[in-house]
């Protein structure tokens, strides 16, 4: 029969062994808790600046952060904007395109192609058009010959198309939305006729 001293020594070893195992297990568990609690804190939301959003209904793009302020342009459903700040204030968020201003966040949705901003070609590239109509062109508020005239461009002058390109064919006439020299619509000409009012910039 083992002596009391030997039994006592064995019990101490077992106790220490169990205690160490419990400490390891509890330490691992505690470590898991620490990791799981720290991970969400370390995860940061992706910055919104530069992201693309589409308008879910017709909405004004305001010049200042106020819904009672001047509207730079009236955006149509599915028009795209590029965000220029990471958080909204007073229900409005700033955008850099199609024009600098502020839009109601409640009227925005994710762009069909994701959050990447729409690619805007340089002015001397595919976004640029040269007026080749000798009489010049009227810039209208709406794509129609009855639309309000908001400006004009002369022969051999340049216009910048709004991007993504917005093109409408109404009663056989092709209309293109432009953002410079004024936001509005110009007639490219009749779809069935070879002569066009605009040509690509060289």
Foldseek 3Di string as FASTA:
>chain_A
DDDPVVVVVVVVVVVVVVVVVVVVVVVVVVVVVVCVVVVVVPDDDDAQAQWKKFFQAWWFFAAEPDPPGDGQATDGGGDMFGFHGRDDDPQWGFTPPPHTGITRPVRIHAHPVGTHHFDFDDCLFPQKKAFQPQAWWFFFAAPDPPGHGPGTDHHRDMFGFGPPWDWDADPQWIWTATPPPHTGITTQGGPPDPHGRIDRHD
